[in-house]
Amino acid sequence: MFNYNDKKFKAVKNTSNGETSDDTIFHYNQTENILTARYSGGRIVEGHLIGLVSPNGDIDMRYHQINDQGNIMTGICKSTPEILKNGKIRLHEEWQWTSGDKSKGNSIIEEL
């Protein structure tokens, strides 16, 4: 099984309707196939996610965060891993807000 436990990721790309940036750091923890994370930085004051990891490393997650405007934002995300030449993980994400305008977007985060 794919394991994200105790890995840190940095946002490297996002569509304009997203709130993460290269200042956003995610700290993942995993027990069996259950993934949790805390994240913050940039426009994100505090964020949490919870998800399920498939055997090939795909993640089906839900997230909530408080932004720098004091708003609670929520969403869903599907992440697909890519293993880089240096052995680090890059996650390609397709997400949608379940709050606000309910728009969709794409982002990429990479293991530090």
PDB file of N, CA and C in Angstrom:
ATOM      1  N   MET A   1       0.836  -1.191   0.000  1.00  0.00           N
ATOM      2  CA  MET A   1       0.000   0.000   0.000  1.00  0.00           C
ATOM      3  C   MET A   1       0.880   1.254   0.000  1.00  0.00           C
ATOM      4  N   PHE A   2       0.426   2.248  -0.684  1.00  0.00           N
ATOM      5  CA  PHE A   2       1.082   3.553  -0.732  1.00  0.00           C
ATOM      6  C   PHE A   2       1.025   4.174   0.653  1.00  0.00           C
ATOM      7  N   ASN A   3       2.096   4.863   1.073  1.00  0.00           N
ATOM      8  CA  ASN A   3       2.102   5.423   2.421  1.00  0.00           C
ATOM      9  C   ASN A   3       2.565   6.874   2.416  1.00  0.00           C
ATOM     10  N   TYR A   4       1.698   7.753   2.881  1.00  0.00           N
ATOM     11  CA  TYR A   4       1.984   9.183   2.972  1.00  0.00           C
ATOM     12  C   TYR A   4       2.348   9.617   4.390  1.00  0.00           C
ATOM     13  N   ASN A   5       2.485   8.665   5.314  1.00  0.00           N
ATOM     14  CA  ASN A   5       2.649   9.014   6.717  1.00  0.00           C
ATOM     15  C   ASN A   5       3.870   9.891   6.965  1.00  0.00           C
ATOM     16  N   ASP A   6       3.640  10.981   7.688  1.00  0.00           N
ATOM     17  CA  ASP A   6       4.658  11.940   8.118  1.00  0.00           C
ATOM     18  C   ASP A   6       5.378  12.638   6.958  1.00  0.00           C
ATOM     19  N   LYS A   7       4.728  12.727   5.814  1.00  0.00           N
ATOM     20  CA  LYS A   7       5.312  13.444   4.670  1.00  0.00           C
ATOM     21  C   LYS A   7       4.767  14.864   4.635  1.00  0.00           C
ATOM     22  N   LYS A   8       5.634  15.781   4.210  1.00  0.00           N
ATOM     23  CA  LYS A   8       5.237  17.184   4.058  1.00  0.00           C
ATOM     24  C   LYS A   8       5.243  17.541   2.584  1.00  0.00           C
ATOM     25  N   PHE A   9       4.258  18.331   2.194  1.00  0.00           N
ATOM     26  CA  PHE A   9       4.085  18.742   0.808  1.00  0.00           C
ATOM     27  C   PHE A   9       3.945  20.258   0.743  1.00  0.00           C
ATOM     28  N   LYS A  10       4.342  20.796  -0.396  1.00  0.00           N
ATOM     29  CA  LYS A  10       4.220  22.233  -0.657  1.00  0.00           C
ATOM     30  C   LYS A  10       3.408  22.413  -1.935  1.00  0.00           C
ATOM     31  N   ALA A  11       2.481  23.346  -1.904  1.00  0.00           N
ATOM     32  CA  ALA A  11       1.714  23.658  -3.103  1.00  0.00           C
ATOM     33  C   ALA A  11       2.639  24.334  -4.120  1.00  0.00           C
ATOM     34  N   VAL A  12       2.618  23.851  -5.353  1.00  0.00           N
ATOM     35  CA  VAL A  12       3.472  24.435  -6.395  1.00  0.00           C
ATOM     36  C   VAL A  12       2.677  25.002  -7.568  1.00  0.00           C
ATOM     37  N   LYS A  13       1.391  24.635  -7.665  1.00  0.00           N
ATOM     38  CA  LYS A  13       0.572  25.150  -8.761  1.00  0.00           C
ATOM     39  C   LYS A  13      -0.885  25.077  -8.343  1.00  0.00           C
ATOM     40  N   ASN A  14      -1.672  26.089  -8.726  1.00  0.00           N
ATOM     41  CA  ASN A  14      -3.094  26.091  -8.426  1.00  0.00           C
ATOM     42  C   ASN A  14      -3.814  26.979  -9.426  1.00  0.00           C
ATOM     43  N   THR A  15      -5.067  26.670  -9.666  1.00  0.00           N
ATOM     44  CA  THR A  15      -5.867  27.544 -10.515  1.00  0.00           C
ATOM     45  C   THR A  15      -6.265  28.782  -9.711  1.00  0.00           C
ATOM     46  N   SER A  16      -6.660  29.830 -10.405  1.00  0.00           N
ATOM     47  CA  SER A  16      -6.871  31.131  -9.769  1.00  0.00           C
ATOM     48  C   SER A  16      -7.998  31.138  -8.737  1.00  0.00           C
ATOM     49  N   ASN A  17      -8.919  30.187  -8.809  1.00  0.00           N
ATOM     50  CA  ASN A  17     -10.031  30.144  -7.852  1.00  0.00           C
ATOM     51  C   ASN A  17      -9.670  29.361  -6.586  1.00  0.00           C
ATOM     52  N   GLY A  18      -8.432  28.893  -6.478  1.00  0.00           N
ATOM     53  CA  GLY A  18      -7.986  28.178  -5.285  1.00  0.00           C
ATOM     54  C   GLY A  18      -7.368  29.117  -4.267  1.00  0.00           C
ATOM     55  N   GLU A  19      -7.135  28.603  -3.059  1.00  0.00           N
ATOM     56  CA  GLU A  19      -6.561  29.424  -1.994  1.00  0.00           C
ATOM     57  C   GLU A  19      -5.149  29.001  -1.593  1.00  0.00           C
ATOM     58  N   THR A  20      -4.699  27.828  -2.009  1.00  0.00           N
ATOM     59  CA  THR A  20      -3.337  27.420  -1.661  1.00  0.00           C
ATOM     60  C   THR A  20      -2.336  28.105  -2.591  1.00  0.00           C
ATOM     61  N   SER A  21      -1.103  28.234  -2.088  1.00  0.00           N
ATOM     62  CA  SER A  21      -0.027  28.863  -2.859  1.00  0.00           C
ATOM     63  C   SER A  21       1.281  28.193  -2.472  1.00  0.00           C
ATOM     64  N   ASP A  22       2.380  28.696  -3.012  1.00  0.00           N
ATOM     65  CA  ASP A  22       3.678  28.104  -2.673  1.00  0.00           C
ATOM     66  C   ASP A  22       4.078  28.392  -1.225  1.00  0.00           C
ATOM     67  N   ASP A  23       3.276  29.151  -0.500  1.00  0.00           N
ATOM     68  CA  ASP A  23       3.488  29.358   0.935  1.00  0.00           C
ATOM     69  C   ASP A  23       2.706  28.357   1.790  1.00  0.00           C
ATOM     70  N   THR A  24       1.887  27.506   1.147  1.00  0.00           N
ATOM     71  CA  THR A  24       1.055  26.550   1.873  1.00  0.00           C
ATOM     72  C   THR A  24       1.807  25.230   2.044  1.00  0.00           C
ATOM     73  N   ILE A  25       1.910  24.763   3.298  1.00  0.00           N
ATOM     74  CA  ILE A  25       2.586  23.500   3.620  1.00  0.00           C
ATOM     75  C   ILE A  25       1.569  22.542   4.228  1.00  0.00           C
ATOM     76  N   PHE A  26       1.563  21.308   3.724  1.00  0.00           N
ATOM     77  CA  PHE A  26       0.687  20.238   4.194  1.00  0.00           C
ATOM     78  C   PHE A  26       1.529  19.214   4.950  1.00  0.00           C
ATOM     79  N   HIS A  27       1.044  18.740   6.089  1.00  0.00           N
ATOM     80  CA  HIS A  27       1.706  17.668   6.834  1.00  0.00           C
ATOM     81  C   HIS A  27       0.746  16.489   6.899  1.00  0.00           C
ATOM     82  N   TYR A  28       1.070  15.431   6.143  1.00  0.00           N
ATOM     83  CA  TYR A  28       0.205  14.264   6.022  1.00  0.00           C
ATOM     84  C   TYR A  28       0.543  13.221   7.081  1.00  0.00           C
ATOM     85  N   ASN A  29      -0.491  12.530   7.554  1.00  0.00           N
ATOM     86  CA  ASN A  29      -0.352  11.367   8.425  1.00  0.00           C
ATOM     87  C   ASN A  29      -1.286  10.289   7.899  1.00  0.00           C
ATOM     88  N   GLN A  30      -0.845   9.037   7.990  1.00  0.00           N
ATOM     89  CA  GLN A  30      -1.646   7.939   7.473  1.00  0.00           C
ATOM     90  C   GLN A  30      -1.580   6.748   8.416  1.00  0.00           C
ATOM     91  N   THR A  31      -2.740   6.155   8.687  1.00  0.00           N
ATOM     92  CA  THR A  31      -2.872   4.899   9.415  1.00  0.00           C
ATOM     93  C   THR A  31      -3.701   3.973   8.551  1.00  0.00           C
ATOM     94  N   GLU A  32      -3.087   2.860   8.134  1.00  0.00           N
ATOM     95  CA  GLU A  32      -3.706   1.956   7.161  1.00  0.00           C
ATOM     96  C   GLU A  32      -4.078   2.778   5.927  1.00  0.00           C
ATOM     97  N   ASN A  33      -5.354   2.804   5.544  1.00  0.00           N
ATOM     98  CA  ASN A  33      -5.710   3.582   4.344  1.00  0.00           C
ATOM     99  C   ASN A  33      -6.368   4.920   4.683  1.00  0.00           C
ATOM    100  N   ILE A  34      -6.311   5.325   5.955  1.00  0.00           N
ATOM    101  CA  ILE A  34      -6.934   6.586   6.377  1.00  0.00           C
ATOM    102  C   ILE A  34      -5.873   7.685   6.443  1.00  0.00           C
ATOM    103  N   LEU A  35      -6.111   8.741   5.702  1.00  0.00           N
ATOM    104  CA  LEU A  35      -5.179   9.860   5.609  1.00  0.00           C
ATOM    105  C   LEU A  35      -5.770  11.087   6.304  1.00  0.00           C
ATOM    106  N   THR A  36      -4.950  11.789   7.069  1.00  0.00           N
ATOM    107  CA  THR A  36      -5.330  13.075   7.635  1.00  0.00           C
ATOM    108  C   THR A  36      -4.182  14.049   7.376  1.00  0.00           C
ATOM    109  N   ALA A  37      -4.495  15.326   7.420  1.00  0.00           N
ATOM    110  CA  ALA A  37      -3.443  16.330   7.267  1.00  0.00           C
ATOM    111  C   ALA A  37      -3.888  17.644   7.867  1.00  0.00           C
ATOM    112  N   ARG A  38      -2.898  18.417   8.282  1.00  0.00           N
ATOM    113  CA  ARG A  38      -3.081  19.817   8.661  1.00  0.00           C
ATOM    114  C   ARG A  38      -2.276  20.625   7.663  1.00  0.00           C
ATOM    115  N   TYR A  39      -2.770  21.809   7.350  1.00  0.00           N
ATOM    116  CA  TYR A  39      -2.039  22.674   6.440  1.00  0.00           C
ATOM    117  C   TYR A  39      -2.313  24.133   6.756  1.00  0.00           C
ATOM    118  N   SER A  40      -1.347  24.965   6.387  1.00  0.00           N
ATOM    119  CA  SER A  40      -1.472  26.408   6.590  1.00  0.00           C
ATOM    120  C   SER A  40      -0.413  27.096   5.757  1.00  0.00           C
ATOM    121  N   GLY A  41      -0.554  28.412   5.675  1.00  0.00           N
ATOM    122  CA  GLY A  41       0.404  29.230   4.939  1.00  0.00           C
ATOM    123  C   GLY A  41      -0.253  29.967   3.794  1.00  0.00           C
ATOM    124  N   GLY A  42       0.279  31.134   3.484  1.00  0.00           N
ATOM    125  CA  GLY A  42      -0.321  31.961   2.443  1.00  0.00           C
ATOM    126  C   GLY A  42      -1.693  32.424   2.897  1.00  0.00           C
ATOM    127  N   ARG A  43      -2.696  32.204   2.075  1.00  0.00           N
ATOM    128  CA  ARG A  43      -4.065  32.633   2.393  1.00  0.00           C
ATOM    129  C   ARG A  43      -4.759  31.721   3.394  1.00  0.00           C
ATOM    130  N   ILE A  44      -4.143  30.568   3.719  1.00  0.00           N
ATOM    131  CA  ILE A  44      -4.760  29.593   4.617  1.00  0.00           C
ATOM    132  C   ILE A  44      -4.247  29.797   6.037  1.00  0.00           C
ATOM    133  N   VAL A  45      -5.142  30.159   6.948  1.00  0.00           N
ATOM    134  CA  VAL A  45      -4.784  30.302   8.358  1.00  0.00           C
ATOM    135  C   VAL A  45      -4.679  28.921   8.991  1.00  0.00           C
ATOM    136  N   GLU A  46      -5.658  28.069   8.744  1.00  0.00           N
ATOM    137  CA  GLU A  46      -5.671  26.701   9.274  1.00  0.00           C
ATOM    138  C   GLU A  46      -6.537  25.842   8.377  1.00  0.00           C
ATOM    139  N   GLY A  47      -6.032  24.655   8.035  1.00  0.00           N
ATOM    140  CA  GLY A  47      -6.799  23.722   7.221  1.00  0.00           C
ATOM    141  C   GLY A  47      -6.581  22.291   7.676  1.00  0.00           C
ATOM    142  N   HIS A  48      -7.585  21.459   7.418  1.00  0.00           N
ATOM    143  CA  HIS A  48      -7.525  20.037   7.741  1.00  0.00           C
ATOM    144  C   HIS A  48      -8.126  19.254   6.578  1.00  0.00           C
ATOM    145  N   LEU A  49      -7.624  18.054   6.378  1.00  0.00           N
ATOM    146  CA  LEU A  49      -8.246  17.177   5.402  1.00  0.00           C
ATOM    147  C   LEU A  49      -8.301  15.766   5.956  1.00  0.00           C
ATOM    148  N   ILE A  50      -9.235  14.991   5.421  1.00  0.00           N
ATOM    149  CA  ILE A  50      -9.352  13.580   5.750  1.00  0.00           C
ATOM    150  C   ILE A  50      -9.687  12.846   4.463  1.00  0.00           C
ATOM    151  N   GLY A  51      -9.085  11.676   4.294  1.00  0.00           N
ATOM    152  CA  GLY A  51      -9.318  10.958   3.065  1.00  0.00           C
ATOM    153  C   GLY A  51      -8.998   9.488   3.170  1.00  0.00           C
ATOM    154  N   LEU A  52      -9.276   8.797   2.078  1.00  0.00           N
ATOM    155  CA  LEU A  52      -8.979   7.382   1.938  1.00  0.00           C
ATOM    156  C   LEU A  52      -7.959   7.204   0.820  1.00  0.00           C
ATOM    157  N   VAL A  53      -6.958   6.365   1.084  1.00  0.00           N
ATOM    158  CA  VAL A  53      -5.894   6.092   0.118  1.00  0.00           C
ATOM    159  C   VAL A  53      -6.148   4.734  -0.522  1.00  0.00           C
ATOM    160  N   SER A  54      -6.167   4.693  -1.847  1.00  0.00           N
ATOM    161  CA  SER A  54      -6.328   3.424  -2.557  1.00  0.00           C
ATOM    162  C   SER A  54      -4.979   2.697  -2.606  1.00  0.00           C
ATOM    163  N   PRO A  55      -4.963   1.419  -2.954  1.00  0.00           N
ATOM    164  CA  PRO A  55      -3.697   0.687  -3.018  1.00  0.00           C
ATOM    165  C   PRO A  55      -2.660   1.313  -3.968  1.00  0.00           C
ATOM    166  N   ASN A  56      -3.109   1.997  -5.031  1.00  0.00           N
ATOM    167  CA  ASN A  56      -2.161   2.620  -5.964  1.00  0.00           C
ATOM    168  C   ASN A  56      -1.800   4.056  -5.580  1.00  0.00           C
ATOM    169  N   GLY A  57      -2.313   4.525  -4.417  1.00  0.00           N
ATOM    170  CA  GLY A  57      -1.935   5.836  -3.914  1.00  0.00           C
ATOM    171  C   GLY A  57      -2.886   6.966  -4.215  1.00  0.00           C
ATOM    172  N   ASP A  58      -3.949   6.708  -4.998  1.00  0.00           N
ATOM    173  CA  ASP A  58      -4.946   7.751  -5.235  1.00  0.00           C
ATOM    174  C   ASP A  58      -5.604   8.113  -3.904  1.00  0.00           C
ATOM    175  N   ILE A  59      -5.942   9.382  -3.742  1.00  0.00           N
ATOM    176  CA  ILE A  59      -6.567   9.845  -2.509  1.00  0.00           C
ATOM    177  C   ILE A  59      -7.926  10.468  -2.828  1.00  0.00           C
ATOM    178  N   ASP A  60      -8.941  10.031  -2.101  1.00  0.00           N
ATOM    179  CA  ASP A  60     -10.277  10.624  -2.164  1.00  0.00           C
ATOM    180  C   ASP A  60     -10.449  11.359  -0.838  1.00  0.00           C
ATOM    181  N   MET A  61     -10.512  12.691  -0.886  1.00  0.00           N
ATOM    182  CA  MET A  61     -10.488  13.451   0.366  1.00  0.00           C
ATOM    183  C   MET A  61     -11.556  14.530   0.432  1.00  0.00           C
ATOM    184  N   ARG A  62     -11.765  14.995   1.654  1.00  0.00           N
ATOM    185  CA  ARG A  62     -12.605  16.151   1.948  1.00  0.00           C
ATOM    186  C   ARG A  62     -11.752  17.107   2.767  1.00  0.00           C
ATOM    187  N   TYR A  63     -11.938  18.396   2.559  1.00  0.00           N
ATOM    188  CA  TYR A  63     -11.123  19.369   3.293  1.00  0.00           C
ATOM    189  C   TYR A  63     -11.972  20.538   3.769  1.00  0.00           C
ATOM    190  N   HIS A  64     -11.476  21.185   4.827  1.00  0.00           N
ATOM    191  CA  HIS A  64     -12.062  22.442   5.301  1.00  0.00           C
ATOM    192  C   HIS A  64     -10.920  23.320   5.784  1.00  0.00           C
ATOM    193  N   GLN A  65     -11.106  24.610   5.613  1.00  0.00           N
ATOM    194  CA  GLN A  65     -10.040  25.551   5.958  1.00  0.00           C
ATOM    195  C   GLN A  65     -10.629  26.908   6.297  1.00  0.00           C
ATOM    196  N   ILE A  66      -9.857  27.665   7.077  1.00  0.00           N
ATOM    197  CA  ILE A  66     -10.198  29.058   7.359  1.00  0.00           C
ATOM    198  C   ILE A  66      -9.185  29.921   6.634  1.00  0.00           C
ATOM    199  N   ASN A  67      -9.671  30.825   5.803  1.00  0.00           N
ATOM    200  CA  ASN A  67      -8.767  31.664   5.020  1.00  0.00           C
ATOM    201  C   ASN A  67      -8.457  32.977   5.739  1.00  0.00           C
ATOM    202  N   ASP A  68      -7.604  33.765   5.122  1.00  0.00           N
ATOM    203  CA  ASP A  68      -7.160  35.020   5.740  1.00  0.00           C
ATOM    204  C   ASP A  68      -8.257  36.092   5.785  1.00  0.00           C
ATOM    205  N   GLN A  69      -9.413  35.807   5.218  1.00  0.00           N
ATOM    206  CA  GLN A  69     -10.568  36.700   5.316  1.00  0.00           C
ATOM    207  C   GLN A  69     -11.504  36.272   6.445  1.00  0.00           C
ATOM    208  N   GLY A  70     -11.140  35.174   7.147  1.00  0.00           N
ATOM    209  CA  GLY A  70     -11.962  34.670   8.230  1.00  0.00           C
ATOM    210  C   GLY A  70     -13.127  33.813   7.787  1.00  0.00           C
ATOM    211  N   ASN A  71     -13.086  33.334   6.535  1.00  0.00           N
ATOM    212  CA  ASN A  71     -14.157  32.496   6.003  1.00  0.00           C
ATOM    213  C   ASN A  71     -13.803  31.022   6.138  1.00  0.00           C
ATOM    214  N   ILE A  72     -14.807  30.198   6.480  1.00  0.00           N
ATOM    215  CA  ILE A  72     -14.647  28.743   6.449  1.00  0.00           C
ATOM    216  C   ILE A  72     -14.983  28.281   5.044  1.00  0.00           C
ATOM    217  N   MET A  73     -14.047  27.568   4.432  1.00  0.00           N
ATOM    218  CA  MET A  73     -14.234  27.040   3.081  1.00  0.00           C
ATOM    219  C   MET A  73     -14.134  25.513   3.144  1.00  0.00           C
ATOM    220  N   THR A  74     -14.935  24.818   2.327  1.00  0.00           N
ATOM    221  CA  THR A  74     -14.940  23.364   2.309  1.00  0.00           C
ATOM    222  C   THR A  74     -14.877  22.860   0.876  1.00  0.00           C
ATOM    223  N   GLY A  75     -14.392  21.620   0.723  1.00  0.00           N
ATOM    224  CA  GLY A  75     -14.326  21.077  -0.612  1.00  0.00           C
ATOM    225  C   GLY A  75     -14.011  19.595  -0.647  1.00  0.00           C
ATOM    226  N   ILE A  76     -14.010  19.064  -1.867  1.00  0.00           N
ATOM    227  CA  ILE A  76     -13.655  17.676  -2.136  1.00  0.00           C
ATOM    228  C   ILE A  76     -12.484  17.665  -3.110  1.00  0.00           C
ATOM    229  N   CYS A  77     -11.683  16.603  -3.052  1.00  0.00           N
ATOM    230  CA  CYS A  77     -10.496  16.537  -3.899  1.00  0.00           C
ATOM    231  C   CYS A  77     -10.145  15.092  -4.209  1.00  0.00           C
ATOM    232  N   LYS A  78      -9.702  14.860  -5.436  1.00  0.00           N
ATOM    233  CA  LYS A  78      -9.137  13.579  -5.856  1.00  0.00           C
ATOM    234  C   LYS A  78      -7.691  13.851  -6.230  1.00  0.00           C
ATOM    235  N   SER A  79      -6.773  13.112  -5.609  1.00  0.00           N
ATOM    236  CA  SER A  79      -5.347  13.296  -5.869  1.00  0.00           C
ATOM    237  C   SER A  79      -4.763  12.032  -6.480  1.00  0.00           C
ATOM    238  N   THR A  80      -3.904  12.217  -7.473  1.00  0.00           N
ATOM    239  CA  THR A  80      -3.234  11.104  -8.146  1.00  0.00           C
ATOM    240  C   THR A  80      -1.731  11.302  -8.012  1.00  0.00           C
ATOM    241  N   PRO A  81      -1.021  10.289  -7.472  1.00  0.00           N
ATOM    242  CA  PRO A  81       0.418  10.454  -7.255  1.00  0.00           C
ATOM    243  C   PRO A  81       1.250  10.215  -8.501  1.00  0.00           C
ATOM    244  N   GLU A  82       2.371  10.911  -8.553  1.00  0.00           N
ATOM    245  CA  GLU A  82       3.421  10.695  -9.548  1.00  0.00           C
ATOM    246  C   GLU A  82       4.725  10.614  -8.756  1.00  0.00           C
ATOM    247  N   ILE A  83       5.531   9.593  -9.011  1.00  0.00           N
ATOM    248  CA  ILE A  83       6.823   9.480  -8.341  1.00  0.00           C
ATOM    249  C   ILE A  83       7.861  10.164  -9.224  1.00  0.00           C
ATOM    250  N   LEU A  84       8.536  11.163  -8.667  1.00  0.00           N
ATOM    251  CA  LEU A  84       9.540  11.921  -9.408  1.00  0.00           C
ATOM    252  C   LEU A  84      10.859  11.154  -9.464  1.00  0.00           C
ATOM    253  N   LYS A  85      11.755  11.574 -10.332  1.00  0.00           N
ATOM    254  CA  LYS A  85      13.060  10.912 -10.492  1.00  0.00           C
ATOM    255  C   LYS A  85      13.846  10.869  -9.191  1.00  0.00           C
ATOM    256  N   ASN A  86      13.654  11.863  -8.331  1.00  0.00           N
ATOM    257  CA  ASN A  86      14.369  11.905  -7.053  1.00  0.00           C
ATOM    258  C   ASN A  86      13.684  11.076  -5.963  1.00  0.00           C
ATOM    259  N   GLY A  87      12.592  10.365  -6.317  1.00  0.00           N
ATOM    260  CA  GLY A  87      11.883   9.510  -5.373  1.00  0.00           C
ATOM    261  C   GLY A  87      10.789  10.215  -4.591  1.00  0.00           C
ATOM    262  N   LYS A  88      10.703  11.533  -4.726  1.00  0.00           N
ATOM    263  CA  LYS A  88       9.671  12.308  -4.034  1.00  0.00           C
ATOM    264  C   LYS A  88       8.332  12.141  -4.756  1.00  0.00           C
ATOM    265  N   ILE A  89       7.260  12.494  -4.049  1.00  0.00           N
ATOM    266  CA  ILE A  89       5.904  12.353  -4.587  1.00  0.00           C
ATOM    267  C   ILE A  89       5.376  13.705  -5.043  1.00  0.00           C
ATOM    268  N   ARG A  90       4.771  13.708  -6.216  1.00  0.00           N
ATOM    269  CA  ARG A  90       4.013  14.862  -6.713  1.00  0.00           C
ATOM    270  C   ARG A  90       2.560  14.416  -6.799  1.00  0.00           C
ATOM    271  N   LEU A  91       1.648  15.219  -6.245  1.00  0.00           N
ATOM    272  CA  LEU A  91       0.228  14.902  -6.289  1.00  0.00           C
ATOM    273  C   LEU A  91      -0.490  15.855  -7.254  1.00  0.00           C
ATOM    274  N   HIS A  92      -1.176  15.270  -8.225  1.00  0.00           N
ATOM    275  CA  HIS A  92      -1.997  16.011  -9.177  1.00  0.00           C
ATOM    276  C   HIS A  92      -3.423  15.978  -8.641  1.00  0.00           C
ATOM    277  N   GLU A  93      -3.980  17.156  -8.392  1.00  0.00           N
ATOM    278  CA  GLU A  93      -5.257  17.245  -7.694  1.00  0.00           C
ATOM    279  C   GLU A  93      -6.344  17.885  -8.554  1.00  0.00           C
ATOM    280  N   GLU A  94      -7.511  17.270  -8.505  1.00  0.00           N
ATOM    281  CA  GLU A  94      -8.724  17.841  -9.095  1.00  0.00           C
ATOM    282  C   GLU A  94      -9.682  18.064  -7.942  1.00  0.00           C
ATOM    283  N   TRP A  95     -10.108  19.314  -7.746  1.00  0.00           N
ATOM    284  CA  TRP A  95     -10.899  19.639  -6.566  1.00  0.00           C
ATOM    285  C   TRP A  95     -12.112  20.485  -6.940  1.00  0.00           C
ATOM    286  N   GLN A  96     -13.034  20.550  -5.977  1.00  0.00           N
ATOM    287  CA  GLN A  96     -14.222  21.400  -6.140  1.00  0.00           C
ATOM    288  C   GLN A  96     -14.630  21.938  -4.786  1.00  0.00           C
ATOM    289  N   TRP A  97     -14.924  23.229  -4.766  1.00  0.00           N
ATOM    290  CA  TRP A  97     -15.468  23.821  -3.549  1.00  0.00           C
ATOM    291  C   TRP A  97     -16.861  23.268  -3.314  1.00  0.00           C
ATOM    292  N   THR A  98     -17.180  22.965  -2.046  1.00  0.00           N
ATOM    293  CA  THR A  98     -18.553  22.629  -1.669  1.00  0.00           C
ATOM    294  C   THR A  98     -19.181  23.799  -0.914  1.00  0.00           C
ATOM    295  N   SER A  99     -18.436  24.892  -0.828  1.00  0.00           N
ATOM    296  CA  SER A  99     -18.917  26.147  -0.257  1.00  0.00           C
ATOM    297  C   SER A  99     -18.627  27.237  -1.293  1.00  0.00           C
ATOM    298  N   GLY A 100     -19.038  28.449  -0.985  1.00  0.00           N
ATOM    299  CA  GLY A 100     -18.756  29.560  -1.902  1.00  0.00           C
ATOM    300  C   GLY A 100     -19.392  29.339  -3.261  1.00  0.00           C
ATOM    301  N   ASP A 101     -18.605  29.561  -4.314  1.00  0.00           N
ATOM    302  CA  ASP A 101     -19.153  29.477  -5.673  1.00  0.00           C
ATOM    303  C   ASP A 101     -19.205  28.059  -6.240  1.00  0.00           C
ATOM    304  N   LYS A 102     -18.715  27.075  -5.493  1.00  0.00           N
ATOM    305  CA  LYS A 102     -18.745  25.658  -5.883  1.00  0.00           C
ATOM    306  C   LYS A 102     -17.975  25.391  -7.187  1.00  0.00           C
ATOM    307  N   SER A 103     -17.015  26.255  -7.494  1.00  0.00           N
ATOM    308  CA  SER A 103     -16.222  26.083  -8.711  1.00  0.00           C
ATOM    309  C   SER A 103     -15.223  24.937  -8.558  1.00  0.00           C
ATOM    310  N   LYS A 104     -14.671  24.517  -9.701  1.00  0.00           N
ATOM    311  CA  LYS A 104     -13.689  23.437  -9.754  1.00  0.00           C
ATOM    312  C   LYS A 104     -12.317  24.004 -10.071  1.00  0.00           C
ATOM    313  N   GLY A 105     -11.288  23.222  -9.752  1.00  0.00           N
ATOM    314  CA  GLY A 105      -9.939  23.640 -10.068  1.00  0.00           C
ATOM    315  C   GLY A 105      -8.962  22.481 -10.053  1.00  0.00           C
ATOM    316  N   ASN A 106      -7.708  22.783 -10.373  1.00  0.00           N
ATOM    317  CA  ASN A 106      -6.625  21.812 -10.398  1.00  0.00           C
ATOM    318  C   ASN A 106      -5.441  22.405  -9.651  1.00  0.00           C
ATOM    319  N   SER A 107      -4.724  21.545  -8.948  1.00  0.00           N
ATOM    320  CA  SER A 107      -3.523  21.984  -8.267  1.00  0.00           C
ATOM    321  C   SER A 107      -2.492  20.865  -8.256  1.00  0.00           C
ATOM    322  N   ILE A 108      -1.279  21.228  -7.931  1.00  0.00           N
ATOM    323  CA  ILE A 108      -0.188  20.270  -7.785  1.00  0.00           C
ATOM    324  C   ILE A 108       0.530  20.597  -6.493  1.00  0.00           C
ATOM    325  N   ILE A 109       0.782  19.550  -5.682  1.00  0.00           N
ATOM    326  CA  ILE A 109       1.623  19.703  -4.509  1.00  0.00           C
ATOM    327  C   ILE A 109       2.765  18.706  -4.612  1.00  0.00           C
ATOM    328  N   GLU A 110       3.932  19.064  -4.059  1.00  0.00           N
ATOM    329  CA  GLU A 110       5.097  18.198  -4.141  1.00  0.00           C
ATOM    330  C   GLU A 110       5.698  17.982  -2.766  1.00  0.00           C
ATOM    331  N   GLU A 111       6.193  16.761  -2.555  1.00  0.00           N
ATOM    332  CA  GLU A 111       6.841  16.407  -1.295  1.00  0.00           C
ATOM    333  C   GLU A 111       8.095  17.233  -1.081  1.00  0.00           C
ATOM    334  N   LEU A 112       8.281  17.705   0.145  1.00  0.00           N
ATOM    335  CA  LEU A 112       9.475  18.466   0.501  1.00  0.00           C
ATOM    336  C   LEU A 112      10.636  17.539   0.766  1.00  0.00           C
TER     337      LEU A 112
END
